[in-house]
Protein backbone atom coordinates (compact mmCIF):
# COMPACT_ATOMS: atom_id res chain seq x y z
CA MET A 1 75.34 -1.65 -29.12
CA PRO A 2 78.52 -0.59 -27.34
CA ILE A 3 81.34 -0.96 -29.81
CA HIS A 4 84.74 -0.09 -28.49
CA SER A 5 86.88 1.93 -30.83
CA ALA A 6 89.98 0.40 -29.27
CA ASP A 7 91.94 -1.99 -31.46
CA PRO A 8 90.94 -5.60 -30.62
CA PHE A 9 94.51 -6.65 -31.42
CA PRO A 10 96.76 -4.21 -29.54
CA THR A 11 100.52 -4.54 -29.73
CA ASP A 12 100.81 -5.45 -26.03
CA ALA A 13 98.79 -8.61 -26.77
CA LEU A 14 100.98 -9.63 -29.71
CA GLU A 15 103.05 -12.19 -27.82
CA ALA A 16 99.97 -13.89 -26.37
CA ASN A 17 98.36 -13.92 -29.82
CA ARG A 18 101.47 -15.41 -31.41
CA SER A 19 101.30 -18.25 -28.93
CA GLY A 20 97.67 -18.86 -29.94
CA ARG A 21 95.91 -17.22 -26.97
CA LEU A 22 93.42 -14.38 -26.76
CA THR A 23 94.01 -12.02 -23.84
CA LYS A 24 91.32 -11.24 -21.28
CA GLN A 25 91.27 -7.61 -22.41
CA GLN A 26 90.66 -8.65 -26.03
CA ARG A 27 87.87 -11.00 -24.95
CA ASP A 28 86.27 -8.24 -22.87
CA ARG A 29 86.38 -5.85 -25.84
CA LEU A 30 84.83 -8.38 -28.22
CA ARG A 31 82.12 -9.72 -25.88
CA PRO A 32 79.66 -6.84 -26.49
CA LEU A 33 79.72 -7.63 -30.22
CA ALA A 34 78.92 -11.28 -29.53
CA ARG A 35 76.16 -10.26 -27.11
CA TYR A 36 74.70 -7.96 -29.76
CA ALA A 37 74.59 -10.85 -32.26
CA ARG A 38 72.74 -13.03 -29.74
CA GLN A 39 70.29 -10.22 -28.93
CA SER A 40 69.64 -9.71 -32.64
CA ALA A 41 68.87 -13.42 -33.03
CA LEU A 42 66.41 -13.21 -30.12
CA ILE A 43 64.69 -10.20 -31.67
CA GLY A 44 64.52 -11.99 -35.01
CA ALA A 45 62.94 -15.02 -33.32
CA GLY A 46 60.35 -12.78 -31.67
CA VAL A 47 59.50 -11.03 -34.92
CA LEU A 48 59.08 -14.36 -36.70
CA MET A 49 56.80 -15.66 -33.95
CA VAL A 50 54.62 -12.55 -34.16
CA ALA A 51 54.55 -12.89 -37.96
CA SER A 52 53.41 -16.51 -37.68
CA LEU A 53 50.61 -15.52 -35.31
CA MET A 54 49.54 -12.71 -37.63
CA VAL A 55 49.49 -15.04 -40.63
CA LEU A 56 47.26 -17.47 -38.75
CA THR A 57 44.84 -15.00 -37.17
CA ASP A 58 44.57 -11.99 -39.50
CA ARG A 59 41.39 -12.48 -41.51
CA GLN A 60 41.98 -9.37 -43.64
CA LEU A 61 45.14 -10.92 -45.04
CA SER A 62 44.38 -11.97 -48.61
CA LEU A 63 46.09 -15.31 -48.33
CA PRO A 64 44.36 -18.64 -48.95
CA GLY A 65 43.81 -20.69 -45.81
CA VAL A 66 45.72 -23.55 -47.34
CA LEU A 67 48.90 -21.41 -47.35
CA ARG A 68 48.48 -19.89 -43.90
CA VAL A 69 49.48 -22.94 -41.86
CA PRO A 70 52.60 -23.85 -43.90
CA LEU A 71 53.75 -20.22 -43.94
CA ALA A 72 53.22 -19.91 -40.20
CA GLY A 73 55.07 -23.20 -39.73
CA ILE A 74 58.04 -21.94 -41.71
CA CYS A 75 58.13 -18.80 -39.55
CA VAL A 76 58.06 -20.94 -36.39
CA VAL A 77 60.90 -23.15 -37.66
CA PHE A 78 63.09 -20.14 -38.46
CA ALA A 79 62.21 -18.60 -35.09
CA ALA A 80 63.29 -21.82 -33.37
CA VAL A 81 66.60 -21.81 -35.24
CA PHE A 82 67.25 -18.18 -34.28
CA LEU A 83 66.27 -18.85 -30.68
CA LEU A 84 68.55 -21.87 -30.45
CA ARG A 85 71.40 -19.93 -32.02
CA ALA A 86 70.93 -17.12 -29.50
CA ILE A 87 70.80 -19.49 -26.53
CA ILE A 88 73.86 -21.55 -27.41
CA GLY A 89 75.84 -18.67 -28.93
CA GLY A 90 76.10 -20.30 -32.34
CA ASP A 91 77.52 -17.29 -34.14
CA ALA A 92 81.18 -17.40 -35.15
CA LEU A 93 82.36 -14.70 -32.72
CA SER A 94 80.73 -16.36 -29.69
CA ARG A 95 82.28 -19.70 -30.62
CA ASP A 96 85.70 -18.10 -31.01
CA LEU A 97 85.43 -16.29 -27.67
CA ARG A 98 84.53 -19.55 -25.91
CA HIS A 99 87.73 -21.19 -27.15
CA MET A 100 89.95 -18.18 -26.37
CA THR A 101 92.36 -19.13 -29.13
CA VAL A 102 93.90 -17.07 -31.89
CA GLN A 103 94.81 -18.43 -35.28
CA SER A 104 97.77 -16.89 -37.01
CA ALA A 105 99.32 -17.34 -40.42
CA GLU A 106 102.64 -16.19 -41.80
CA GLY A 107 103.71 -15.62 -45.34
CA PRO A 108 103.10 -13.32 -48.26
CA ILE A 109 99.68 -11.72 -48.42
CA GLY A 110 97.58 -11.51 -51.56
CA LYS A 111 94.14 -10.03 -52.00
CA HIS A 112 91.49 -10.73 -54.63
CA ARG A 113 87.76 -10.63 -55.18
CA GLY A 114 85.76 -13.77 -55.71
CA GLY A 115 82.46 -14.16 -57.50
CA SER A 116 79.25 -12.70 -56.15
CA THR A 117 77.91 -14.32 -52.99
CA GLY A 118 74.23 -15.02 -53.50
CA ARG A 119 71.28 -12.81 -54.34
CA SER A 120 72.75 -9.72 -52.71
CA GLY A 121 75.32 -9.46 -55.48
CA ARG A 122 78.08 -8.62 -53.00
CA ARG A 123 81.48 -9.89 -53.89
CA ALA A 124 83.54 -12.06 -51.60
CA TYR A 125 86.92 -10.58 -50.69
CA LEU A 126 89.60 -13.17 -50.16
CA PHE A 127 93.03 -12.86 -48.58
CA ASP A 128 95.72 -15.42 -49.37
CA VAL A 129 98.13 -15.67 -46.45
CA GLY A 130 100.82 -18.33 -46.60
CA ASP A 131 99.00 -21.57 -47.47
CA GLY A 132 95.54 -20.40 -46.34
CA THR A 133 92.73 -18.37 -47.85
CA PHE A 134 90.53 -16.21 -45.62
CA ARG A 135 87.21 -14.53 -46.46
CA ALA A 136 86.77 -10.94 -45.30
CA ALA A 137 84.07 -8.31 -45.23
CA SER A 138 84.24 -5.67 -47.96
CA ARG A 139 85.28 -2.96 -45.50
CA ALA A 140 88.30 -5.05 -44.40
CA SER A 141 89.78 -5.05 -47.87
């Protein structure tokens, strides 16, 4: 995956960003990340389809026949969701790049950790900016 080390928010784009627009250079730098997300969804869909076929056809698998069809069906449903997401660009970055807009907030900035987010046990990192609260990845904090 080609990730550019260049800052996606350079100072020469600050005026365009303040007016709510994303520059063409910023879009071009962020597009490979969006493409990578779509490719990952396609790969995930393929893996799930292969898994569903293996569940149905592998006779050495010690799984009752009554569970094979529902499990394969679940794999197919998830594969369809991943495939649809890849085709329409349903990930957040692809949606944002389609709109070419930038959201900005002004005001004092506060940072805190929320509760754990699910089974992974990772904590949510939240930034309070002005009147809004934004979730961030742990490495952004």
